[in-house]
């Protein structure tokens, strides 16, 4: 009987120990996700493909949602490789994407980052919209695996745009 009581107590306590050891640090994960996205924005501003690549999954997929001249929805898809080629062709300080109202969700090794943004090309306002990033936790840190964004010139809250 005594053996059975000891066994039951140890079995009942095991889940508590397992939860304590595996409880993720969600706040740190959220900050790391934000940092990965900000690193991409900073690398765009600097035209730094090495830094951009450091937060991109090798198979990064980018989906752009816009409108054609007739007002219909148009989607385009590009790859991380194509994005890096474009970035390499631009002088530093040409591309400037500024974001605000970022929202992070993390579930284990999967995260999403949703934010409003304004895009400037060579110092001139180009468009605004919403970015939606999907990231995964790799051994090297959080990597962006998917990015979808929309583009518009109307209904842009230019007062909300953070300074450089």
N, C-alpha and C. Protein backbone atom coordinates (compact mmCIF):
# COMPACT_ATOMS: atom_id res chain seq x y z
N UNK A 1 0.82 -1.19 0.00
CA UNK A 1 0.00 0.00 0.00
C UNK A 1 0.87 1.26 0.00
N UNK A 2 1.88 1.25 0.82
CA UNK A 2 2.77 2.40 0.91
C UNK A 2 3.42 2.66 -0.45
N UNK A 3 3.82 1.60 -1.12
CA UNK A 3 4.43 1.70 -2.44
C UNK A 3 3.46 2.35 -3.43
N UNK A 4 2.20 1.97 -3.36
CA UNK A 4 1.17 2.51 -4.25
C UNK A 4 0.96 4.01 -4.00
N UNK A 5 0.96 4.45 -2.75
CA UNK A 5 0.79 5.87 -2.41
C UNK A 5 1.97 6.68 -2.96
N UNK A 6 3.19 6.20 -2.79
CA UNK A 6 4.37 6.89 -3.31
C UNK A 6 4.31 6.97 -4.83
N UNK A 7 3.93 5.90 -5.47
CA UNK A 7 3.82 5.88 -6.93
C UNK A 7 2.78 6.88 -7.41
N UNK A 8 1.61 6.90 -6.78
CA UNK A 8 0.55 7.83 -7.18
C UNK A 8 0.98 9.28 -6.97
N UNK A 9 1.62 9.59 -5.87
CA UNK A 9 2.08 10.96 -5.61
C UNK A 9 3.10 11.41 -6.65
N UNK A 10 4.00 10.52 -7.00
CA UNK A 10 5.01 10.90 -7.99
C UNK A 10 4.38 11.06 -9.37
N UNK A 11 3.40 10.23 -9.69
CA UNK A 11 2.73 10.37 -11.00
C UNK A 11 1.88 11.63 -11.06
N UNK A 12 1.23 11.98 -9.98
CA UNK A 12 0.41 13.19 -9.97
C UNK A 12 1.26 14.45 -10.03
N UNK A 13 2.43 14.42 -9.48
CA UNK A 13 3.32 15.59 -9.50
C UNK A 13 4.06 15.76 -10.81
N UNK A 14 4.18 14.72 -11.59
CA UNK A 14 4.94 14.78 -12.84
C UNK A 14 4.41 15.82 -13.82
N UNK A 15 3.09 15.92 -14.03
CA UNK A 15 2.60 16.94 -14.96
C UNK A 15 2.95 18.36 -14.53
N UNK A 16 2.95 18.62 -13.22
CA UNK A 16 3.30 19.96 -12.76
C UNK A 16 4.75 20.29 -13.06
N UNK A 17 5.63 19.33 -12.86
CA UNK A 17 7.03 19.55 -13.19
C UNK A 17 7.22 19.75 -14.68
N UNK A 18 6.54 18.98 -15.47
CA UNK A 18 6.66 19.09 -16.92
C UNK A 18 6.19 20.46 -17.38
N UNK A 19 5.10 20.97 -16.81
CA UNK A 19 4.60 22.28 -17.21
C UNK A 19 5.58 23.38 -16.84
N UNK A 20 6.18 23.29 -15.69
CA UNK A 20 7.12 24.31 -15.26
C UNK A 20 8.32 24.36 -16.18
N UNK A 21 8.84 23.22 -16.58
CA UNK A 21 10.03 23.18 -17.42
C UNK A 21 9.75 23.62 -18.85
N UNK A 22 8.54 23.36 -19.36
CA UNK A 22 8.28 23.64 -20.76
C UNK A 22 7.50 24.93 -20.99
N UNK A 23 7.18 25.67 -19.93
CA UNK A 23 6.43 26.90 -20.11
C UNK A 23 7.28 27.89 -20.90
N UNK A 24 6.80 28.30 -22.07
CA UNK A 24 7.59 29.21 -22.89
C UNK A 24 7.55 30.63 -22.32
N UNK A 25 8.54 31.40 -22.66
CA UNK A 25 8.57 32.80 -22.29
C UNK A 25 7.92 33.58 -23.43
N UNK A 26 6.60 33.72 -23.35
CA UNK A 26 5.83 34.33 -24.43
C UNK A 26 6.25 35.77 -24.66
N UNK A 27 6.52 36.52 -23.62
CA UNK A 27 6.92 37.92 -23.78
C UNK A 27 8.23 38.01 -24.56
N UNK A 28 9.18 37.14 -24.25
CA UNK A 28 10.45 37.15 -24.98
C UNK A 28 10.25 36.73 -26.43
N UNK A 29 9.38 35.74 -26.66
CA UNK A 29 9.09 35.32 -28.03
C UNK A 29 8.46 36.46 -28.83
N UNK A 30 7.51 37.16 -28.21
CA UNK A 30 6.85 38.27 -28.91
C UNK A 30 7.86 39.35 -29.28
N UNK A 31 8.75 39.66 -28.36
CA UNK A 31 9.78 40.67 -28.63
C UNK A 31 10.71 40.20 -29.74
N UNK A 32 11.07 38.93 -29.74
CA UNK A 32 11.95 38.38 -30.78
C UNK A 32 11.27 38.42 -32.15
N UNK A 33 9.97 38.17 -32.19
CA UNK A 33 9.21 38.25 -33.44
C UNK A 33 9.20 39.69 -33.95
N UNK A 34 8.91 40.64 -33.05
CA UNK A 34 8.94 42.06 -33.43
C UNK A 34 10.31 42.45 -33.95
N UNK A 35 11.36 41.97 -33.30
CA UNK A 35 12.72 42.29 -33.72
C UNK A 35 13.03 41.74 -35.10
N UNK A 36 12.55 40.53 -35.40
CA UNK A 36 12.79 39.95 -36.73
C UNK A 36 12.14 40.81 -37.81
N UNK A 37 10.91 41.24 -37.58
CA UNK A 37 10.22 42.10 -38.55
C UNK A 37 10.94 43.44 -38.68
N UNK A 38 11.33 44.02 -37.56
CA UNK A 38 12.03 45.31 -37.61
C UNK A 38 13.38 45.17 -38.32
N UNK A 39 14.04 44.04 -38.14
CA UNK A 39 15.29 43.79 -38.85
C UNK A 39 15.07 43.80 -40.35
N UNK A 40 13.96 43.22 -40.81
CA UNK A 40 13.66 43.26 -42.24
C UNK A 40 13.46 44.69 -42.70
N UNK A 41 12.68 45.48 -41.96
CA UNK A 41 12.46 46.88 -42.34
C UNK A 41 13.78 47.66 -42.35
N UNK A 42 14.61 47.46 -41.34
CA UNK A 42 15.90 48.15 -41.27
C UNK A 42 16.81 47.75 -42.43
N UNK A 43 16.79 46.47 -42.79
CA UNK A 43 17.63 46.01 -43.90
C UNK A 43 17.14 46.57 -45.23
N UNK A 44 15.83 46.78 -45.36
CA UNK A 44 15.30 47.42 -46.57
C UNK A 44 15.84 48.84 -46.67
N UNK A 45 15.79 49.57 -45.56
CA UNK A 45 16.26 50.95 -45.53
C UNK A 45 17.74 51.03 -45.90
N UNK A 46 18.52 50.05 -45.47
CA UNK A 46 19.96 50.05 -45.71
C UNK A 46 20.35 49.30 -46.99
N UNK A 47 19.37 48.72 -47.68
CA UNK A 47 19.64 47.85 -48.85
C UNK A 47 20.64 46.76 -48.50
N UNK A 48 20.47 46.17 -47.33
CA UNK A 48 21.39 45.17 -46.80
C UNK A 48 20.79 43.77 -46.96
N UNK A 49 21.18 43.09 -48.02
CA UNK A 49 20.62 41.77 -48.31
C UNK A 49 21.07 40.72 -47.29
N UNK A 50 22.27 40.86 -46.76
CA UNK A 50 22.76 39.89 -45.78
C UNK A 50 21.90 39.95 -44.51
N UNK A 51 21.63 41.15 -44.08
CA UNK A 51 20.81 41.31 -42.87
C UNK A 51 19.37 40.85 -43.13
N UNK A 52 18.83 41.17 -44.30
CA UNK A 52 17.47 40.73 -44.64
C UNK A 52 17.41 39.21 -44.65
N UNK A 53 18.39 38.58 -45.27
CA UNK A 53 18.42 37.12 -45.37
C UNK A 53 18.46 36.47 -43.98
N UNK A 54 19.03 37.16 -43.00
CA UNK A 54 19.17 36.58 -41.65
C UNK A 54 17.82 36.34 -40.97
N UNK A 55 16.76 37.01 -41.42
CA UNK A 55 15.44 36.82 -40.81
C UNK A 55 14.44 36.21 -41.79
N UNK A 56 14.91 35.78 -42.94
CA UNK A 56 14.04 35.20 -43.97
C UNK A 56 14.23 33.69 -44.05
N UNK A 57 13.14 32.97 -44.16
CA UNK A 57 13.21 31.54 -44.45
C UNK A 57 13.70 31.38 -45.88
N UNK A 58 14.42 30.31 -46.19
CA UNK A 58 14.91 30.11 -47.56
C UNK A 58 13.78 30.07 -48.59
N UNK A 59 12.61 29.64 -48.16
CA UNK A 59 11.47 29.52 -49.08
C UNK A 59 10.42 30.61 -48.86
N UNK A 60 10.87 31.80 -48.43
CA UNK A 60 9.94 32.91 -48.17
C UNK A 60 9.05 33.17 -49.37
N UNK A 61 7.77 33.32 -49.09
CA UNK A 61 6.78 33.63 -50.11
C UNK A 61 6.14 34.97 -49.76
N UNK A 62 6.02 35.84 -50.75
CA UNK A 62 5.44 37.17 -50.55
C UNK A 62 4.23 37.31 -51.46
N UNK A 63 3.11 37.71 -50.88
CA UNK A 63 1.87 37.89 -51.64
C UNK A 63 1.45 39.35 -51.52
N UNK A 64 1.27 39.99 -52.68
CA UNK A 64 0.88 41.39 -52.73
C UNK A 64 -0.57 41.46 -53.21
N UNK A 65 -1.39 42.18 -52.48
CA UNK A 65 -2.80 42.33 -52.84
C UNK A 65 -3.04 43.80 -53.16
N UNK A 66 -3.54 44.05 -54.35
CA UNK A 66 -3.80 45.42 -54.77
C UNK A 66 -5.03 45.49 -55.64
N UNK A 67 -5.17 46.61 -56.32
CA UNK A 67 -6.31 46.81 -57.22
C UNK A 67 -5.80 47.18 -58.60
N UNK A 68 -6.51 46.70 -59.61
CA UNK A 68 -6.20 47.12 -60.97
C UNK A 68 -6.90 48.45 -61.24
N UNK A 69 -6.61 49.10 -62.37
CA UNK A 69 -7.23 50.40 -62.65
C UNK A 69 -8.76 50.37 -62.65
N UNK A 70 -9.35 49.22 -62.93
CA UNK A 70 -10.80 49.10 -62.91
C UNK A 70 -11.38 48.88 -61.53
N UNK A 71 -10.54 48.76 -60.52
CA UNK A 71 -11.00 48.58 -59.15
C UNK A 71 -11.08 47.13 -58.70
N UNK A 72 -10.75 46.20 -59.59
CA UNK A 72 -10.77 44.79 -59.22
C UNK A 72 -9.55 44.39 -58.41
N UNK A 73 -9.69 43.36 -57.63
CA UNK A 73 -8.60 42.86 -56.79
C UNK A 73 -7.60 42.09 -57.65
N UNK A 74 -6.32 42.39 -57.42
CA UNK A 74 -5.24 41.72 -58.13
C UNK A 74 -4.27 41.17 -57.08
N UNK A 75 -3.83 39.94 -57.26
CA UNK A 75 -2.80 39.39 -56.37
C UNK A 75 -1.59 39.02 -57.19
N UNK A 76 -0.44 39.25 -56.58
CA UNK A 76 0.83 38.84 -57.19
C UNK A 76 1.61 38.07 -56.14
N UNK A 77 2.44 37.18 -56.60
CA UNK A 77 3.28 36.42 -55.68
C UNK A 77 4.72 36.54 -56.13
N UNK A 78 5.60 36.67 -55.16
CA UNK A 78 7.02 36.73 -55.44
C UNK A 78 7.75 35.89 -54.39
N UNK A 79 9.02 35.69 -54.59
CA UNK A 79 9.82 34.87 -53.68
C UNK A 79 10.80 35.73 -52.90
N UNK A 80 11.34 35.14 -51.86
CA UNK A 80 12.39 35.82 -51.11
C UNK A 80 13.59 36.11 -51.98
N UNK A 81 13.92 35.20 -52.87
CA UNK A 81 15.07 35.40 -53.77
C UNK A 81 14.84 36.62 -54.66
N UNK A 82 13.64 36.76 -55.20
CA UNK A 82 13.32 37.92 -56.03
C UNK A 82 13.35 39.21 -55.20
N UNK A 83 12.87 39.14 -53.98
CA UNK A 83 12.90 40.29 -53.09
C UNK A 83 14.34 40.73 -52.83
N UNK A 84 15.23 39.78 -52.56
CA UNK A 84 16.63 40.11 -52.30
C UNK A 84 17.29 40.71 -53.54
N UNK A 85 16.95 40.22 -54.71
CA UNK A 85 17.50 40.79 -55.96
C UNK A 85 17.06 42.24 -56.11
N UNK A 86 15.80 42.51 -55.85
CA UNK A 86 15.29 43.88 -55.92
C UNK A 86 16.00 44.76 -54.91
N UNK A 87 16.16 44.25 -53.69
CA UNK A 87 16.79 45.02 -52.63
C UNK A 87 18.24 45.35 -52.99
N UNK A 88 18.94 44.40 -53.57
CA UNK A 88 20.34 44.61 -53.95
C UNK A 88 20.49 45.67 -55.03
N UNK A 89 19.45 45.87 -55.82
CA UNK A 89 19.53 46.83 -56.93
C UNK A 89 19.23 48.26 -56.50
N UNK A 90 18.83 48.47 -55.26
CA UNK A 90 18.45 49.80 -54.79
C UNK A 90 19.56 50.42 -53.95
N UNK A 91 19.80 51.71 -54.13
CA UNK A 91 20.75 52.38 -53.23
C UNK A 91 20.18 52.46 -51.81
N UNK A 92 21.06 52.52 -50.85
CA UNK A 92 20.63 52.64 -49.45
C UNK A 92 19.78 53.90 -49.28
N UNK A 93 18.88 53.84 -48.33
CA UNK A 93 17.97 54.93 -47.97
C UNK A 93 16.91 55.22 -49.03
N UNK A 94 16.73 54.33 -50.00
CA UNK A 94 15.69 54.51 -51.02
C UNK A 94 14.36 53.98 -50.51
N UNK A 95 14.37 52.79 -49.93
CA UNK A 95 13.15 52.13 -49.47
C UNK A 95 12.99 52.35 -47.97
N UNK A 96 11.85 52.87 -47.58
CA UNK A 96 11.61 53.15 -46.16
C UNK A 96 10.20 52.72 -45.80
N UNK A 97 10.09 51.63 -45.07
CA UNK A 97 8.79 51.15 -44.62
C UNK A 97 8.69 51.39 -43.12
N UNK A 98 7.66 52.09 -42.72
CA UNK A 98 7.44 52.41 -41.30
C UNK A 98 6.14 51.75 -40.86
N UNK A 99 6.18 51.11 -39.71
CA UNK A 99 5.00 50.38 -39.24
C UNK A 99 4.56 50.87 -37.87
N UNK A 100 3.30 50.58 -37.55
CA UNK A 100 2.75 50.90 -36.24
C UNK A 100 1.58 49.96 -35.96
N UNK A 101 1.11 50.00 -34.73
CA UNK A 101 0.01 49.14 -34.28
C UNK A 101 0.31 47.65 -34.50
N UNK A 102 1.55 47.26 -34.26
CA UNK A 102 1.92 45.85 -34.43
C UNK A 102 1.25 44.96 -33.40
N UNK A 103 0.80 43.81 -33.85
CA UNK A 103 0.17 42.82 -32.98
C UNK A 103 0.84 41.47 -33.23
N UNK A 104 1.31 40.85 -32.16
CA UNK A 104 2.02 39.58 -32.26
C UNK A 104 1.18 38.48 -31.63
N UNK A 105 1.14 37.34 -32.28
CA UNK A 105 0.54 36.13 -31.73
C UNK A 105 1.59 35.02 -31.83
N UNK A 106 1.77 34.27 -30.77
CA UNK A 106 2.75 33.18 -30.76
C UNK A 106 2.08 31.93 -30.23
N UNK A 107 2.31 30.82 -30.91
CA UNK A 107 1.87 29.51 -30.44
C UNK A 107 3.01 28.54 -30.69
N UNK A 108 3.80 28.29 -29.67
CA UNK A 108 4.93 27.38 -29.83
C UNK A 108 5.95 27.94 -30.82
N UNK A 109 6.13 27.22 -31.91
CA UNK A 109 7.13 27.60 -32.91
C UNK A 109 6.54 28.37 -34.08
N UNK A 110 5.29 28.80 -33.97
CA UNK A 110 4.61 29.55 -35.02
C UNK A 110 4.21 30.92 -34.48
N UNK A 111 4.41 31.96 -35.29
CA UNK A 111 4.02 33.31 -34.87
C UNK A 111 3.47 34.08 -36.05
N UNK A 112 2.67 35.08 -35.73
CA UNK A 112 2.21 36.02 -36.75
C UNK A 112 2.41 37.43 -36.23
N UNK A 113 2.65 38.33 -37.16
CA UNK A 113 2.82 39.75 -36.83
C UNK A 113 1.99 40.54 -37.82
N UNK A 114 1.04 41.32 -37.32
CA UNK A 114 0.14 42.12 -38.14
C UNK A 114 0.41 43.57 -37.79
N UNK A 115 0.58 44.42 -38.81
CA UNK A 115 0.81 45.83 -38.55
C UNK A 115 0.32 46.69 -39.71
N UNK A 116 0.04 47.93 -39.40
CA UNK A 116 -0.21 48.92 -40.44
C UNK A 116 1.15 49.46 -40.87
N UNK A 117 1.24 49.91 -42.11
CA UNK A 117 2.51 50.44 -42.58
C UNK A 117 2.29 51.57 -43.58
N UNK A 118 3.34 52.36 -43.74
CA UNK A 118 3.41 53.36 -44.81
C UNK A 118 4.75 53.15 -45.49
N UNK A 119 4.74 53.25 -46.80
CA UNK A 119 5.95 52.98 -47.59
C UNK A 119 6.37 54.26 -48.31
N UNK A 120 7.65 54.57 -48.19
CA UNK A 120 8.23 55.73 -48.85
C UNK A 120 9.31 55.24 -49.81
N UNK A 121 9.33 55.80 -51.01
CA UNK A 121 10.33 55.46 -52.02
C UNK A 121 11.09 56.74 -52.33
N UNK A 122 12.38 56.73 -52.05
CA UNK A 122 13.25 57.89 -52.27
C UNK A 122 12.70 59.13 -51.54
N UNK A 123 12.19 58.92 -50.33
CA UNK A 123 11.72 60.02 -49.51
C UNK A 123 10.30 60.47 -49.78
N UNK A 124 9.65 59.93 -50.80
CA UNK A 124 8.29 60.33 -51.13
C UNK A 124 7.30 59.23 -50.74
N UNK A 125 6.18 59.66 -50.16
CA UNK A 125 5.14 58.71 -49.79
C UNK A 125 4.67 57.97 -51.04
N UNK A 126 4.60 56.65 -50.95
CA UNK A 126 4.16 55.82 -52.07
C UNK A 126 2.78 55.23 -51.80
N UNK A 127 2.64 54.53 -50.68
CA UNK A 127 1.37 53.86 -50.37
C UNK A 127 1.36 53.42 -48.90
N UNK A 128 0.22 52.95 -48.48
CA UNK A 128 0.08 52.41 -47.13
C UNK A 128 -0.67 51.09 -47.23
N UNK A 129 -0.86 50.46 -46.09
CA UNK A 129 -1.60 49.21 -46.07
C UNK A 129 -1.36 48.45 -44.78
N UNK A 130 -1.54 47.16 -44.87
CA UNK A 130 -1.35 46.25 -43.74
C UNK A 130 -0.41 45.15 -44.17
N UNK A 131 0.56 44.84 -43.31
CA UNK A 131 1.46 43.70 -43.49
C UNK A 131 1.01 42.59 -42.55
N UNK A 132 1.05 41.36 -43.03
CA UNK A 132 0.79 40.20 -42.19
C UNK A 132 1.94 39.22 -42.41
N UNK A 133 2.77 39.06 -41.39
CA UNK A 133 3.92 38.17 -41.45
C UNK A 133 3.59 36.87 -40.73
N UNK A 134 4.07 35.77 -41.27
CA UNK A 134 4.05 34.49 -40.57
C UNK A 134 5.50 34.08 -40.38
N UNK A 135 5.83 33.68 -39.17
CA UNK A 135 7.20 33.31 -38.83
C UNK A 135 7.22 31.96 -38.14
N UNK A 136 8.37 31.31 -38.21
CA UNK A 136 8.57 30.08 -37.45
C UNK A 136 9.88 30.18 -36.69
N UNK A 137 9.95 29.44 -35.60
CA UNK A 137 11.16 29.43 -34.78
C UNK A 137 12.14 28.43 -35.37
N UNK A 138 13.29 28.90 -35.76
CA UNK A 138 14.35 28.02 -36.26
C UNK A 138 15.46 27.99 -35.21
N UNK A 139 16.44 27.11 -35.37
CA UNK A 139 17.57 27.11 -34.43
C UNK A 139 18.32 28.45 -34.43
N UNK A 140 18.22 29.21 -35.52
CA UNK A 140 18.90 30.51 -35.63
C UNK A 140 18.00 31.68 -35.20
N UNK A 141 16.78 31.40 -34.77
CA UNK A 141 15.86 32.46 -34.36
C UNK A 141 14.62 32.47 -35.23
N UNK A 142 13.78 33.46 -35.06
CA UNK A 142 12.53 33.56 -35.80
C UNK A 142 12.80 33.93 -37.24
N UNK A 143 12.17 33.20 -38.17
CA UNK A 143 12.34 33.41 -39.61
C UNK A 143 10.99 33.71 -40.25
N UNK A 144 10.97 34.67 -41.15
CA UNK A 144 9.75 35.01 -41.87
C UNK A 144 9.58 34.02 -43.01
N UNK A 145 8.47 33.32 -43.01
CA UNK A 145 8.21 32.31 -44.04
C UNK A 145 7.16 32.79 -45.04
N UNK A 146 6.24 33.63 -44.59
CA UNK A 146 5.22 34.20 -45.47
C UNK A 146 5.01 35.66 -45.10
N UNK A 147 4.77 36.46 -46.13
CA UNK A 147 4.39 37.85 -45.94
C UNK A 147 3.30 38.16 -46.94
N UNK A 148 2.19 38.65 -46.45
CA UNK A 148 1.11 39.12 -47.32
C UNK A 148 0.86 40.58 -46.95
N UNK A 149 0.66 41.40 -47.96
CA UNK A 149 0.35 42.80 -47.68
C UNK A 149 -0.54 43.38 -48.76
N UNK A 150 -1.30 44.39 -48.35
CA UNK A 150 -2.11 45.11 -49.32
C UNK A 150 -1.51 46.49 -49.53
N UNK A 151 -1.89 47.11 -50.63
CA UNK A 151 -1.36 48.43 -50.98
C UNK A 151 -2.53 49.33 -51.37
N UNK A 152 -2.50 50.55 -50.83
CA UNK A 152 -3.51 51.52 -51.23
C UNK A 152 -2.92 52.92 -51.07
N UNK A 153 -3.49 53.86 -51.78
CA UNK A 153 -3.09 55.26 -51.67
C UNK A 153 -4.16 56.08 -50.96
N UNK A 154 -5.37 55.56 -50.90
CA UNK A 154 -6.46 56.25 -50.24
C UNK A 154 -6.61 55.73 -48.81
N UNK A 155 -7.25 56.55 -47.98
CA UNK A 155 -7.53 56.17 -46.60
C UNK A 155 -6.27 55.81 -45.82
N UNK A 156 -5.21 56.53 -46.08
CA UNK A 156 -3.96 56.35 -45.34
C UNK A 156 -3.91 57.41 -44.24
N UNK A 157 -3.76 56.96 -43.01
CA UNK A 157 -3.69 57.89 -41.88
C UNK A 157 -2.26 58.39 -41.75
N UNK A 158 -1.92 59.43 -42.50
CA UNK A 158 -0.55 59.93 -42.52
C UNK A 158 -0.11 60.49 -41.17
N UNK A 159 -1.05 60.87 -40.32
CA UNK A 159 -0.70 61.37 -38.99
C UNK A 159 -0.21 60.25 -38.08
N UNK A 160 -0.58 59.02 -38.38
CA UNK A 160 -0.19 57.88 -37.54
C UNK A 160 1.21 57.36 -37.87
N UNK A 161 1.77 57.80 -38.98
CA UNK A 161 3.07 57.28 -39.43
C UNK A 161 4.16 57.72 -38.45
N UNK A 162 4.90 56.77 -37.90
CA UNK A 162 5.97 57.15 -36.97
C UNK A 162 7.13 57.80 -37.73
N UNK A 163 7.87 58.68 -37.05
CA UNK A 163 9.04 59.28 -37.71
C UNK A 163 10.11 58.24 -37.94
N UNK A 164 11.06 58.58 -38.80
CA UNK A 164 12.17 57.66 -39.09
C UNK A 164 12.90 57.28 -37.83
